[in-house]
Amino acid sequence: MLRGMTLSSEHGDLGAEDLKIITLARSARARNGVPEGAAVRDETGRTYVAGTVELESLRLSALRTAVAMAVASGAQSLEAAAVVSSAEEASAEDRAAVRDLGGPETPVLLAGPDGKLRAAVTAG
């Protein structure tokens, strides 16, 4: 179940906390001028926000970077993940990273660059 008060709109029936991680992901994408922005929320409600990493020696999607940040900060689980991208779906690798920390039922929200929800799937 998605967390927070439910808001019906062009975003579907998302809670305020889920809309927040979409907004944070969108902001990271715009601020850093990268192809993707992502945010994850851990079991305590803390959020971790990241953009795509494209170095010569290291390439990570925004979502895998956000998951890595959560793990490095001591998160034990994830409640939800969001990615803002022009892609039509979250990659299998991104969903696997979310599943590794949050489990197969963890929601993965995919929004377009305009912040509108395109899909809500589970990590499983």
PDB file of N, CA and C in Angstrom:
ATOM      1  N   MET A   1       0.838  -1.188   0.000  1.00  0.00           N
ATOM      2  CA  MET A   1       0.000   0.000   0.000  1.00  0.00           C
ATOM      3  C   MET A   1       0.879   1.245   0.000  1.00  0.00           C
ATOM      4  N   LEU A   2       0.473   2.241  -0.738  1.00  0.00           N
ATOM      5  CA  LEU A   2       1.227   3.470  -0.806  1.00  0.00           C
ATOM      6  C   LEU A   2       0.940   4.316   0.416  1.00  0.00           C
ATOM      7  N   ARG A   3       1.968   4.998   0.907  1.00  0.00           N
ATOM      8  CA  ARG A   3       1.908   5.678   2.199  1.00  0.00           C
ATOM      9  C   ARG A   3       1.347   7.089   2.094  1.00  0.00           C
ATOM     10  N   GLY A   4       0.665   7.511   3.159  1.00  0.00           N
ATOM     11  CA  GLY A   4       0.216   8.896   3.267  1.00  0.00           C
ATOM     12  C   GLY A   4      -1.224   9.069   2.817  1.00  0.00           C
ATOM     13  N   MET A   5      -1.700  10.300   2.946  1.00  0.00           N
ATOM     14  CA  MET A   5      -3.049  10.642   2.523  1.00  0.00           C
ATOM     15  C   MET A   5      -3.172  10.418   1.015  1.00  0.00           C
ATOM     16  N   THR A   6      -4.257   9.825   0.573  1.00  0.00           N
ATOM     17  CA  THR A   6      -4.442   9.543  -0.844  1.00  0.00           C
ATOM     18  C   THR A   6      -4.944  10.784  -1.576  1.00  0.00           C
ATOM     19  N   LEU A   7      -4.286  11.076  -2.699  1.00  0.00           N
ATOM     20  CA  LEU A   7      -4.669  12.205  -3.536  1.00  0.00           C
ATOM     21  C   LEU A   7      -5.008  11.691  -4.920  1.00  0.00           C
ATOM     22  N   SER A   8      -6.210  11.942  -5.392  1.00  0.00           N
ATOM     23  CA  SER A   8      -6.592  11.543  -6.738  1.00  0.00           C
ATOM     24  C   SER A   8      -6.375  12.722  -7.673  1.00  0.00           C
ATOM     25  N   SER A   9      -5.678  12.458  -8.742  1.00  0.00           N
ATOM     26  CA  SER A   9      -5.386  13.503  -9.726  1.00  0.00           C
ATOM     27  C   SER A   9      -4.819  12.835 -10.958  1.00  0.00           C
ATOM     28  N   GLU A  10      -4.096  13.607 -11.762  1.00  0.00           N
ATOM     29  CA  GLU A  10      -3.432  13.022 -12.917  1.00  0.00           C
ATOM     30  C   GLU A  10      -2.349  12.047 -12.481  1.00  0.00           C
ATOM     31  N   HIS A  11      -2.059  12.006 -11.175  1.00  0.00           N
ATOM     32  CA  HIS A  11      -1.073  11.079 -10.630  1.00  0.00           C
ATOM     33  C   HIS A  11      -1.710   9.770 -10.197  1.00  0.00           C
ATOM     34  N   GLY A  12      -2.997   9.597 -10.392  1.00  0.00           N
ATOM     35  CA  GLY A  12      -3.660   8.413  -9.882  1.00  0.00           C
ATOM     36  C   GLY A  12      -3.927   8.597  -8.408  1.00  0.00           C
ATOM     37  N   ASP A  13      -4.075   7.513  -7.703  1.00  0.00           N
ATOM     38  CA  ASP A  13      -4.339   7.565  -6.261  1.00  0.00           C
ATOM     39  C   ASP A  13      -3.032   7.377  -5.500  1.00  0.00           C
ATOM     40  N   LEU A  14      -2.260   8.434  -5.386  1.00  0.00           N
ATOM     41  CA  LEU A  14      -0.992   8.393  -4.674  1.00  0.00           C
ATOM     42  C   LEU A  14      -1.104   9.141  -3.365  1.00  0.00           C
ATOM     43  N   GLY A  15      -0.387   8.659  -2.369  1.00  0.00           N
ATOM     44  CA  GLY A  15      -0.310   9.364  -1.100  1.00  0.00           C
ATOM     45  C   GLY A  15       0.630  10.547  -1.210  1.00  0.00           C
ATOM     46  N   ALA A  16       0.508  11.443  -0.254  1.00  0.00           N
ATOM     47  CA  ALA A  16       1.348  12.639  -0.242  1.00  0.00           C
ATOM     48  C   ALA A  16       2.830  12.290  -0.187  1.00  0.00           C
ATOM     49  N   GLU A  17       3.189  11.244   0.555  1.00  0.00           N
ATOM     50  CA  GLU A  17       4.603  10.846   0.658  1.00  0.00           C
ATOM     51  C   GLU A  17       5.128  10.316  -0.670  1.00  0.00           C
ATOM     52  N   ASP A  18       4.275   9.663  -1.445  1.00  0.00           N
ATOM     53  CA  ASP A  18       4.692   9.164  -2.749  1.00  0.00           C
ATOM     54  C   ASP A  18       4.816  10.306  -3.762  1.00  0.00           C
ATOM     55  N   LEU A  19       3.916  11.264  -3.686  1.00  0.00           N
ATOM     56  CA  LEU A  19       4.053  12.442  -4.539  1.00  0.00           C
ATOM     57  C   LEU A  19       5.332  13.200  -4.206  1.00  0.00           C
ATOM     58  N   LYS A  20       5.689  13.200  -2.924  1.00  0.00           N
ATOM     59  CA  LYS A  20       6.915  13.881  -2.491  1.00  0.00           C
ATOM     60  C   LYS A  20       8.138  13.255  -3.141  1.00  0.00           C
ATOM     61  N   ILE A  21       8.240  11.920  -3.174  1.00  0.00           N
ATOM     62  CA  ILE A  21       9.439  11.335  -3.764  1.00  0.00           C
ATOM     63  C   ILE A  21       9.478  11.527  -5.279  1.00  0.00           C
ATOM     64  N   ILE A  22       8.318  11.607  -5.924  1.00  0.00           N
ATOM     65  CA  ILE A  22       8.309  11.938  -7.356  1.00  0.00           C
ATOM     66  C   ILE A  22       8.824  13.361  -7.554  1.00  0.00           C
ATOM     67  N   THR A  23       8.363  14.292  -6.726  1.00  0.00           N
ATOM     68  CA  THR A  23       8.808  15.687  -6.817  1.00  0.00           C
ATOM     69  C   THR A  23      10.305  15.796  -6.580  1.00  0.00           C
ATOM     70  N   LEU A  24      10.817  15.086  -5.573  1.00  0.00           N
ATOM     71  CA  LEU A  24      12.257  15.111  -5.293  1.00  0.00           C
ATOM     72  C   LEU A  24      13.057  14.532  -6.461  1.00  0.00           C
ATOM     73  N   ALA A  25      12.569  13.455  -7.040  1.00  0.00           N
ATOM     74  CA  ALA A  25      13.251  12.844  -8.181  1.00  0.00           C
ATOM     75  C   ALA A  25      13.268  13.798  -9.379  1.00  0.00           C
ATOM     76  N   ARG A  26      12.155  14.443  -9.607  1.00  0.00           N
ATOM     77  CA  ARG A  26      12.064  15.405 -10.718  1.00  0.00           C
ATOM     78  C   ARG A  26      13.029  16.569 -10.505  1.00  0.00           C
ATOM     79  N   SER A  27      13.113  17.052  -9.273  1.00  0.00           N
ATOM     80  CA  SER A  27      14.013  18.154  -8.955  1.00  0.00           C
ATOM     81  C   SER A  27      15.472  17.765  -9.166  1.00  0.00           C
ATOM     82  N   ALA A  28      15.843  16.557  -8.759  1.00  0.00           N
ATOM     83  CA  ALA A  28      17.223  16.098  -8.949  1.00  0.00           C
ATOM     84  C   ALA A  28      17.576  16.027 -10.424  1.00  0.00           C
ATOM     85  N   ARG A  29      16.653  15.534 -11.221  1.00  0.00           N
ATOM     86  CA  ARG A  29      16.881  15.432 -12.668  1.00  0.00           C
ATOM     87  C   ARG A  29      17.102  16.819 -13.269  1.00  0.00           C
ATOM     88  N   ALA A  30      16.240  17.754 -12.933  1.00  0.00           N
ATOM     89  CA  ALA A  30      16.336  19.109 -13.491  1.00  0.00           C
ATOM     90  C   ALA A  30      17.564  19.851 -12.976  1.00  0.00           C
ATOM     91  N   ARG A  31      17.792  19.782 -11.678  1.00  0.00           N
ATOM     92  CA  ARG A  31      18.903  20.512 -11.058  1.00  0.00           C
ATOM     93  C   ARG A  31      20.254  20.058 -11.617  1.00  0.00           C
ATOM     94  N   ASN A  32      20.405  18.751 -11.823  1.00  0.00           N
ATOM     95  CA  ASN A  32      21.683  18.211 -12.265  1.00  0.00           C
ATOM     96  C   ASN A  32      21.795  18.066 -13.778  1.00  0.00           C
ATOM     97  N   GLY A  33      20.704  18.315 -14.487  1.00  0.00           N
ATOM     98  CA  GLY A  33      20.730  18.204 -15.940  1.00  0.00           C
ATOM     99  C   GLY A  33      21.079  16.808 -16.418  1.00  0.00           C
ATOM    100  N   VAL A  34      20.518  15.800 -15.748  1.00  0.00           N
ATOM    101  CA  VAL A  34      20.809  14.404 -16.078  1.00  0.00           C
ATOM    102  C   VAL A  34      19.565  13.724 -16.650  1.00  0.00           C
ATOM    103  N   PRO A  35      19.757  12.583 -17.314  1.00  0.00           N
ATOM    104  CA  PRO A  35      18.605  11.914 -17.935  1.00  0.00           C
ATOM    105  C   PRO A  35      17.545  11.423 -16.967  1.00  0.00           C
ATOM    106  N   GLU A  36      17.957  11.071 -15.731  1.00  0.00           N
ATOM    107  CA  GLU A  36      17.013  10.537 -14.755  1.00  0.00           C
ATOM    108  C   GLU A  36      17.261  11.140 -13.387  1.00  0.00           C
ATOM    109  N   GLY A  37      16.187  11.237 -12.628  1.00  0.00           N
ATOM    110  CA  GLY A  37      16.264  11.552 -11.209  1.00  0.00           C
ATOM    111  C   GLY A  37      15.493  10.483 -10.473  1.00  0.00           C
ATOM    112  N   ALA A  38      15.913  10.178  -9.260  1.00  0.00           N
ATOM    113  CA  ALA A  38      15.228   9.145  -8.484  1.00  0.00           C
ATOM    114  C   ALA A  38      15.228   9.505  -7.013  1.00  0.00           C
ATOM    115  N   ALA A  39      14.284   8.926  -6.300  1.00  0.00           N
ATOM    116  CA  ALA A  39      14.221   9.066  -4.849  1.00  0.00           C
ATOM    117  C   ALA A  39      13.648   7.779  -4.283  1.00  0.00           C
ATOM    118  N   VAL A  40      14.168   7.393  -3.133  1.00  0.00           N
ATOM    119  CA  VAL A  40      13.641   6.236  -2.414  1.00  0.00           C
ATOM    120  C   VAL A  40      13.335   6.664  -0.988  1.00  0.00           C
ATOM    121  N   ARG A  41      12.368   5.979  -0.377  1.00  0.00           N
ATOM    122  CA  ARG A  41      11.994   6.243   1.010  1.00  0.00           C
ATOM    123  C   ARG A  41      12.241   4.961   1.809  1.00  0.00           C
ATOM    124  N   ASP A  42      13.024   5.075   2.899  1.00  0.00           N
ATOM    125  CA  ASP A  42      13.338   3.888   3.676  1.00  0.00           C
ATOM    126  C   ASP A  42      12.267   3.602   4.730  1.00  0.00           C
ATOM    127  N   GLU A  43      12.510   2.571   5.528  1.00  0.00           N
ATOM    128  CA  GLU A  43      11.534   2.116   6.514  1.00  0.00           C
ATOM    129  C   GLU A  43      11.262   3.121   7.621  1.00  0.00           C
ATOM    130  N   THR A  44      12.123   4.122   7.772  1.00  0.00           N
ATOM    131  CA  THR A  44      11.911   5.143   8.801  1.00  0.00           C
ATOM    132  C   THR A  44      11.316   6.419   8.221  1.00  0.00           C
ATOM    133  N   GLY A  45      11.111   6.444   6.901  1.00  0.00           N
ATOM    134  CA  GLY A  45      10.570   7.630   6.246  1.00  0.00           C
ATOM    135  C   GLY A  45      11.625   8.565   5.688  1.00  0.00           C
ATOM    136  N   ARG A  46      12.908   8.240   5.892  1.00  0.00           N
ATOM    137  CA  ARG A  46      13.979   9.068   5.317  1.00  0.00           C
ATOM    138  C   ARG A  46      14.016   8.874   3.808  1.00  0.00           C
ATOM    139  N   THR A  47      14.363   9.952   3.102  1.00  0.00           N
ATOM    140  CA  THR A  47      14.441   9.878   1.649  1.00  0.00           C
ATOM    141  C   THR A  47      15.879  10.071   1.193  1.00  0.00           C
ATOM    142  N   TYR A  48      16.184   9.434   0.082  1.00  0.00           N
ATOM    143  CA  TYR A  48      17.494   9.524  -0.549  1.00  0.00           C
ATOM    144  C   TYR A  48      17.241   9.873  -2.009  1.00  0.00           C
ATOM    145  N   VAL A  49      17.910  10.912  -2.484  1.00  0.00           N
ATOM    146  CA  VAL A  49      17.647  11.457  -3.814  1.00  0.00           C
ATOM    147  C   VAL A  49      18.936  11.418  -4.630  1.00  0.00           C
ATOM    148  N   ALA A  50      18.828  11.041  -5.898  1.00  0.00           N
ATOM    149  CA  ALA A  50      20.017  10.945  -6.741  1.00  0.00           C
ATOM    150  C   ALA A  50      19.674  11.198  -8.198  1.00  0.00           C
ATOM    151  N   GLY A  51      20.705  11.507  -8.947  1.00  0.00           N
ATOM    152  CA  GLY A  51      20.609  11.623 -10.394  1.00  0.00           C
ATOM    153  C   GLY A  51      21.462  10.549 -11.041  1.00  0.00           C
ATOM    154  N   THR A  52      21.376  10.450 -12.338  1.00  0.00           N
ATOM    155  CA  THR A  52      22.187   9.519 -13.098  1.00  0.00           C
ATOM    156  C   THR A  52      23.664   9.828 -12.870  1.00  0.00           C
ATOM    157  N   VAL A  53      24.477   8.783 -12.717  1.00  0.00           N
ATOM    158  CA  VAL A  53      25.926   8.933 -12.588  1.00  0.00           C
ATOM    159  C   VAL A  53      26.559   8.457 -13.881  1.00  0.00           C
ATOM    160  N   GLU A  54      27.276   9.350 -14.549  1.00  0.00           N
ATOM    161  CA  GLU A  54      27.945   8.990 -15.806  1.00  0.00           C
ATOM    162  C   GLU A  54      29.385   9.476 -15.771  1.00  0.00           C
ATOM    163  N   LEU A  55      30.231   8.659 -15.146  1.00  0.00           N
ATOM    164  CA  LEU A  55      31.664   8.905 -15.127  1.00  0.00           C
ATOM    165  C   LEU A  55      32.326   7.919 -16.081  1.00  0.00           C
ATOM    166  N   GLU A  56      33.540   8.199 -16.456  1.00  0.00           N
ATOM    167  CA  GLU A  56      34.237   7.266 -17.334  1.00  0.00           C
ATOM    168  C   GLU A  56      34.342   5.881 -16.696  1.00  0.00           C
ATOM    169  N   SER A  57      34.585   5.856 -15.383  1.00  0.00           N
ATOM    170  CA  SER A  57      34.787   4.582 -14.707  1.00  0.00           C
ATOM    171  C   SER A  57      33.546   4.047 -13.989  1.00  0.00           C
ATOM    172  N   LEU A  58      32.465   4.815 -13.960  1.00  0.00           N
ATOM    173  CA  LEU A  58      31.286   4.392 -13.209  1.00  0.00           C
ATOM    174  C   LEU A  58      30.019   4.923 -13.867  1.00  0.00           C
ATOM    175  N   ARG A  59      29.110   4.018 -14.157  1.00  0.00           N
ATOM    176  CA  ARG A  59      27.814   4.398 -14.725  1.00  0.00           C
ATOM    177  C   ARG A  59      26.716   3.722 -13.919  1.00  0.00           C
ATOM    178  N   LEU A  60      25.846   4.572 -13.339  1.00  0.00           N
ATOM    179  CA  LEU A  60      24.731   4.063 -12.548  1.00  0.00           C
ATOM    180  C   LEU A  60      23.474   4.837 -12.900  1.00  0.00           C
ATOM    181  N   SER A  61      22.373   4.127 -12.952  1.00  0.00           N
ATOM    182  CA  SER A  61      21.095   4.816 -13.121  1.00  0.00           C
ATOM    183  C   SER A  61      20.804   5.608 -11.850  1.00  0.00           C
ATOM    184  N   ALA A  62      19.915   6.553 -11.963  1.00  0.00           N
ATOM    185  CA  ALA A  62      19.535   7.355 -10.801  1.00  0.00           C
ATOM    186  C   ALA A  62      18.943   6.483  -9.700  1.00  0.00           C
ATOM    187  N   LEU A  63      18.113   5.511 -10.066  1.00  0.00           N
ATOM    188  CA  LEU A  63      17.469   4.678  -9.052  1.00  0.00           C
ATOM    189  C   LEU A  63      18.473   3.784  -8.340  1.00  0.00           C
ATOM    190  N   ARG A  64      19.397   3.186  -9.074  1.00  0.00           N
ATOM    191  CA  ARG A  64      20.416   2.365  -8.423  1.00  0.00           C
ATOM    192  C   ARG A  64      21.312   3.214  -7.528  1.00  0.00           C
ATOM    193  N   THR A  65      21.572   4.456  -7.925  1.00  0.00           N
ATOM    194  CA  THR A  65      22.367   5.359  -7.093  1.00  0.00           C
ATOM    195  C   THR A  65      21.619   5.686  -5.804  1.00  0.00           C
ATOM    196  N   ALA A  66      20.319   5.968  -5.898  1.00  0.00           N
ATOM    197  CA  ALA A  66      19.524   6.280  -4.707  1.00  0.00           C
ATOM    198  C   ALA A  66      19.461   5.081  -3.764  1.00  0.00           C
ATOM    199  N   VAL A  67      19.319   3.874  -4.304  1.00  0.00           N
ATOM    200  CA  VAL A  67      19.309   2.674  -3.476  1.00  0.00           C
ATOM    201  C   VAL A  67      20.665   2.511  -2.789  1.00  0.00           C
ATOM    202  N   ALA A  68      21.750   2.717  -3.529  1.00  0.00           N
ATOM    203  CA  ALA A  68      23.088   2.609  -2.944  1.00  0.00           C
ATOM    204  C   ALA A  68      23.278   3.627  -1.821  1.00  0.00           C
ATOM    205  N   MET A  69      22.767   4.831  -2.006  1.00  0.00           N
ATOM    206  CA  MET A  69      22.862   5.856  -0.957  1.00  0.00           C
ATOM    207  C   MET A  69      22.105   5.415   0.295  1.00  0.00           C
ATOM    208  N   ALA A  70      20.937   4.821   0.102  1.00  0.00           N
ATOM    209  CA  ALA A  70      20.144   4.349   1.242  1.00  0.00           C
ATOM    210  C   ALA A  70      20.896   3.249   1.995  1.00  0.00           C
ATOM    211  N   VAL A  71      21.450   2.295   1.267  1.00  0.00           N
ATOM    212  CA  VAL A  71      22.205   1.207   1.885  1.00  0.00           C
ATOM    213  C   VAL A  71      23.413   1.765   2.634  1.00  0.00           C
ATOM    214  N   ALA A  72      24.142   2.672   1.991  1.00  0.00           N
ATOM    215  CA  ALA A  72      25.339   3.246   2.604  1.00  0.00           C
ATOM    216  C   ALA A  72      25.010   4.055   3.855  1.00  0.00           C
ATOM    217  N   SER A  73      23.771   4.520   3.955  1.00  0.00           N
ATOM    218  CA  SER A  73      23.344   5.305   5.119  1.00  0.00           C
ATOM    219  C   SER A  73      22.695   4.443   6.202  1.00  0.00           C
ATOM    220  N   GLY A  74      22.638   3.141   5.982  1.00  0.00           N
ATOM    221  CA  GLY A  74      22.129   2.239   7.005  1.00  0.00           C
ATOM    222  C   GLY A  74      20.681   1.825   6.878  1.00  0.00           C
ATOM    223  N   ALA A  75      20.030   2.144   5.770  1.00  0.00           N
ATOM    224  CA  ALA A  75      18.639   1.727   5.591  1.00  0.00           C
ATOM    225  C   ALA A  75      18.551   0.198   5.607  1.00  0.00           C
ATOM    226  N   GLN A  76      17.508  -0.304   6.249  1.00  0.00           N
ATOM    227  CA  GLN A  76      17.288  -1.748   6.340  1.00  0.00           C
ATOM    228  C   GLN A  76      16.261  -2.238   5.326  1.00  0.00           C
ATOM    229  N   SER A  77      15.427  -1.303   4.818  1.00  0.00           N
ATOM    230  CA  SER A  77      14.370  -1.663   3.884  1.00  0.00           C
ATOM    231  C   SER A  77      13.910  -0.405   3.148  1.00  0.00           C
ATOM    232  N   LEU A  78      13.101  -0.588   2.137  1.00  0.00           N
ATOM    233  CA  LEU A  78      12.501   0.532   1.410  1.00  0.00           C
ATOM    234  C   LEU A  78      10.987   0.416   1.454  1.00  0.00           C
ATOM    235  N   GLU A  79      10.336   1.573   1.574  1.00  0.00           N
ATOM    236  CA  GLU A  79       8.875   1.627   1.479  1.00  0.00           C
ATOM    237  C   GLU A  79       8.423   1.884   0.050  1.00  0.00           C
ATOM    238  N   ALA A  80       9.192   2.698  -0.681  1.00  0.00           N
ATOM    239  CA  ALA A  80       8.806   3.054  -2.050  1.00  0.00           C
ATOM    240  C   ALA A  80       9.994   3.655  -2.774  1.00  0.00           C
ATOM    241  N   ALA A  81       9.900   3.636  -4.104  1.00  0.00           N
ATOM    242  CA  ALA A  81      10.923   4.224  -4.963  1.00  0.00           C
ATOM    243  C   ALA A  81      10.228   4.962  -6.097  1.00  0.00           C
ATOM    244  N   ALA A  82      10.875   6.017  -6.582  1.00  0.00           N
ATOM    245  CA  ALA A  82      10.338   6.763  -7.719  1.00  0.00           C
ATOM    246  C   ALA A  82      11.478   7.135  -8.642  1.00  0.00           C
ATOM    247  N   VAL A  83      11.197   7.101  -9.920  1.00  0.00           N
ATOM    248  CA  VAL A  83      12.170   7.534 -10.918  1.00  0.00           C
ATOM    249  C   VAL A  83      11.453   8.431 -11.912  1.00  0.00           C
ATOM    250  N   VAL A  84      12.108   9.528 -12.278  1.00  0.00           N
ATOM    251  CA  VAL A  84      11.597  10.446 -13.291  1.00  0.00           C
ATOM    252  C   VAL A  84      12.522  10.330 -14.485  1.00  0.00           C
ATOM    253  N   SER A  85      11.950   9.967 -15.612  1.00  0.00           N
ATOM    254  CA  SER A  85      12.740   9.652 -16.797  1.00  0.00           C
ATOM    255  C   SER A  85      11.867   9.755 -18.035  1.00  0.00           C
ATOM    256  N   SER A  86      12.507   9.823 -19.187  1.00  0.00           N
ATOM    257  CA  SER A  86      11.748   9.755 -20.435  1.00  0.00           C
ATOM    258  C   SER A  86      11.509   8.307 -20.851  1.00  0.00           C
ATOM    259  N   ALA A  87      12.103   7.360 -20.139  1.00  0.00           N
ATOM    260  CA  ALA A  87      11.912   5.935 -20.426  1.00  0.00           C
ATOM    261  C   ALA A  87      10.463   5.537 -20.171  1.00  0.00           C
ATOM    262  N   GLU A  88      10.024   4.521 -20.854  1.00  0.00           N
ATOM    263  CA  GLU A  88       8.653   4.045 -20.721  1.00  0.00           C
ATOM    264  C   GLU A  88       8.458   3.113 -19.531  1.00  0.00           C
ATOM    265  N   GLU A  89       9.546   2.522 -19.031  1.00  0.00           N
ATOM    266  CA  GLU A  89       9.428   1.614 -17.891  1.00  0.00           C
ATOM    267  C   GLU A  89      10.724   1.603 -17.104  1.00  0.00           C
ATOM    268  N   ALA A  90      10.631   1.178 -15.852  1.00  0.00           N
ATOM    269  CA  ALA A  90      11.826   1.019 -15.024  1.00  0.00           C
ATOM    270  C   ALA A  90      12.559  -0.230 -15.495  1.00  0.00           C
ATOM    271  N   SER A  91      13.872  -0.154 -15.589  1.00  0.00           N
ATOM    272  CA  SER A  91      14.643  -1.290 -16.087  1.00  0.00           C
ATOM    273  C   SER A  91      14.610  -2.448 -15.093  1.00  0.00           C
ATOM    274  N   ALA A  92      14.893  -3.634 -15.587  1.00  0.00           N
ATOM    275  CA  ALA A  92      14.951  -4.820 -14.732  1.00  0.00           C
ATOM    276  C   ALA A  92      16.041  -4.649 -13.672  1.00  0.00           C
ATOM    277  N   GLU A  93      17.148  -4.020 -14.029  1.00  0.00           N
ATOM    278  CA  GLU A  93      18.240  -3.801 -13.073  1.00  0.00           C
ATOM    279  C   GLU A  93      17.811  -2.849 -11.959  1.00  0.00           C
ATOM    280  N   ASP A  94      17.077  -1.801 -12.309  1.00  0.00           N
ATOM    281  CA  ASP A  94      16.588  -0.861 -11.308  1.00  0.00           C
ATOM    282  C   ASP A  94      15.604  -1.536 -10.362  1.00  0.00           C
ATOM    283  N   ARG A  95      14.676  -2.290 -10.908  1.00  0.00           N
ATOM    284  CA  ARG A  95      13.706  -2.995 -10.073  1.00  0.00           C
ATOM    285  C   ARG A  95      14.396  -4.012  -9.174  1.00  0.00           C
ATOM    286  N   ALA A  96      15.458  -4.656  -9.690  1.00  0.00           N
ATOM    287  CA  ALA A  96      16.202  -5.629  -8.884  1.00  0.00           C
ATOM    288  C   ALA A  96      16.876  -4.953  -7.689  1.00  0.00           C
ATOM    289  N   ALA A  97      17.444  -3.772  -7.892  1.00  0.00           N
ATOM    290  CA  ALA A  97      18.085  -3.053  -6.786  1.00  0.00           C
ATOM    291  C   ALA A  97      17.066  -2.701  -5.711  1.00  0.00           C
ATOM    292  N   VAL A  98      15.893  -2.244  -6.126  1.00  0.00           N
ATOM    293  CA  VAL A  98      14.825  -1.919  -5.173  1.00  0.00           C
ATOM    294  C   VAL A  98      14.377  -3.196  -4.455  1.00  0.00           C
ATOM    295  N   ARG A  99      14.219  -4.267  -5.191  1.00  0.00           N
ATOM    296  CA  ARG A  99      13.785  -5.551  -4.620  1.00  0.00           C
ATOM    297  C   ARG A  99      14.816  -6.070  -3.603  1.00  0.00           C
ATOM    298  N   ASP A 100      16.103  -5.921  -3.906  1.00  0.00           N
ATOM    299  CA  ASP A 100      17.147  -6.401  -2.998  1.00  0.00           C
ATOM    300  C   ASP A 100      17.055  -5.760  -1.618  1.00  0.00           C
ATOM    301  N   LEU A 101      16.696  -4.483  -1.569  1.00  0.00           N
ATOM    302  CA  LEU A 101      16.605  -3.800  -0.282  1.00  0.00           C
ATOM    303  C   LEU A 101      15.186  -3.784   0.275  1.00  0.00           C
ATOM    304  N   GLY A 102      14.202  -3.628  -0.583  1.00  0.00           N
ATOM    305  CA  GLY A 102      12.833  -3.452  -0.107  1.00  0.00           C
ATOM    306  C   GLY A 102      11.929  -4.657  -0.207  1.00  0.00           C
ATOM    307  N   GLY A 103      12.307  -5.624  -0.999  1.00  0.00           N
ATOM    308  CA  GLY A 103      11.460  -6.795  -1.210  1.00  0.00           C
ATOM    309  C   GLY A 103      10.641  -6.666  -2.481  1.00  0.00           C
ATOM    310  N   PRO A 104      10.035  -7.767  -2.906  1.00  0.00           N
ATOM    311  CA  PRO A 104       9.337  -7.800  -4.194  1.00  0.00           C
ATOM    312  C   PRO A 104       8.074  -6.951  -4.269  1.00  0.00           C
ATOM    313  N   GLU A 105       7.476  -6.612  -3.140  1.00  0.00           N
ATOM    314  CA  GLU A 105       6.234  -5.827  -3.154  1.00  0.00           C
ATOM    315  C   GLU A 105       6.471  -4.318  -3.069  1.00  0.00           C
ATOM    316  N   THR A 106       7.715  -3.885  -3.018  1.00  0.00           N
ATOM    317  CA  THR A 106       8.015  -2.457  -2.915  1.00  0.00           C
ATOM    318  C   THR A 106       7.549  -1.743  -4.181  1.00  0.00           C
ATOM    319  N   PRO A 107       6.730  -0.691  -4.049  1.00  0.00           N
ATOM    320  CA  PRO A 107       6.272   0.028  -5.231  1.00  0.00           C
ATOM    321  C   PRO A 107       7.396   0.820  -5.883  1.00  0.00           C
ATOM    322  N   VAL A 108       7.416   0.769  -7.210  1.00  0.00           N
ATOM    323  CA  VAL A 108       8.331   1.575  -8.017  1.00  0.00           C
ATOM    324  C   VAL A 108       7.455   2.459  -8.896  1.00  0.00           C
ATOM    325  N   LEU A 109       7.546   3.763  -8.675  1.00  0.00           N
ATOM    326  CA  LEU A 109       6.737   4.734  -9.401  1.00  0.00           C
ATOM    327  C   LEU A 109       7.566   5.324 -10.524  1.00  0.00           C
ATOM    328  N   LEU A 110       7.042   5.310 -11.730  1.00  0.00           N
ATOM    329  CA  LEU A 110       7.731   5.884 -12.885  1.00  0.00           C
ATOM    330  C   LEU A 110       6.941   7.088 -13.367  1.00  0.00           C
ATOM    331  N   ALA A 111       7.610   8.235 -13.383  1.00  0.00           N
ATOM    332  CA  ALA A 111       6.977   9.469 -13.854  1.00  0.00           C
ATOM    333  C   ALA A 111       7.779  10.022 -15.021  1.00  0.00           C
ATOM    334  N   GLY A 112       7.097  10.765 -15.871  1.00  0.00           N
ATOM    335  CA  GLY A 112       7.755  11.421 -16.986  1.00  0.00           C
ATOM    336  C   GLY A 112       8.444  12.694 -16.525  1.00  0.00           C
ATOM    337  N   PRO A 113       9.192  13.330 -17.407  1.00  0.00           N
ATOM    338  CA  PRO A 113       9.882  14.574 -17.063  1.00  0.00           C
ATOM    339  C   PRO A 113       8.947  15.672 -16.549  1.00  0.00           C
ATOM    340  N   ASP A 114       7.670  15.602 -16.907  1.00  0.00           N
ATOM    341  CA  ASP A 114       6.690  16.578 -16.424  1.00  0.00           C
ATOM    342  C   ASP A 114       6.202  16.249 -15.022  1.00  0.00           C
ATOM    343  N   GLY A 115       6.654  15.136 -14.453  1.00  0.00           N
ATOM    344  CA  GLY A 115       6.263  14.728 -13.114  1.00  0.00           C
ATOM    345  C   GLY A 115       4.975  13.916 -13.050  1.00  0.00           C
ATOM    346  N   LYS A 116       4.339  13.693 -14.186  1.00  0.00           N
ATOM    347  CA  LYS A 116       3.096  12.912 -14.192  1.00  0.00           C
ATOM    348  C   LYS A 116       3.400  11.418 -14.151  1.00  0.00           C
ATOM    349  N   LEU A 117       2.668  10.728 -13.278  1.00  0.00           N
ATOM    350  CA  LEU A 117       2.847   9.290 -13.114  1.00  0.00           C
ATOM    351  C   LEU A 117       2.519   8.565 -14.410  1.00  0.00           C
ATOM    352  N   ARG A 118       3.431   7.698 -14.846  1.00  0.00           N
ATOM    353  CA  ARG A 118       3.200   6.860 -16.025  1.00  0.00           C
ATOM    354  C   ARG A 118       2.848   5.440 -15.634  1.00  0.00           C
ATOM    355  N   ALA A 119       3.511   4.967 -14.577  1.00  0.00           N
ATOM    356  CA  ALA A 119       3.284   3.577 -14.167  1.00  0.00           C
ATOM    357  C   ALA A 119       3.646   3.413 -12.705  1.00  0.00           C
ATOM    358  N   ALA A 120       2.962   2.500 -12.060  1.00  0.00           N
ATOM    359  CA  ALA A 120       3.294   2.090 -10.697  1.00  0.00           C
ATOM    360  C   ALA A 120       3.343   0.574 -10.710  1.00  0.00           C
ATOM    361  N   VAL A 121       4.525   0.027 -10.507  1.00  0.00           N
ATOM    362  CA  VAL A 121       4.734  -1.407 -10.519  1.00  0.00           C
ATOM    363  C   VAL A 121       5.385  -1.814  -9.202  1.00  0.00           C
ATOM    364  N   THR A 122       5.497  -3.101  -8.988  1.00  0.00           N
ATOM    365  CA  THR A 122       6.248  -3.574  -7.828  1.00  0.00           C
ATOM    366  C   THR A 122       7.647  -3.959  -8.292  1.00  0.00           C
ATOM    367  N   ALA A 123       8.561  -4.021  -7.337  1.00  0.00           N
ATOM    368  CA  ALA A 123       9.945  -4.360  -7.656  1.00  0.00           C
ATOM    369  C   ALA A 123      10.089  -5.813  -8.072  1.00  0.00           C
ATOM    370  N   GLY A 124       9.112  -6.652  -7.682  1.00  0.00           N
ATOM    371  CA  GLY A 124       9.174  -8.093  -7.872  1.00  0.00           C
ATOM    372  C   GLY A 124       9.158  -8.543  -9.264  1.00  0.00           C
TER     373      GLY A 124
END
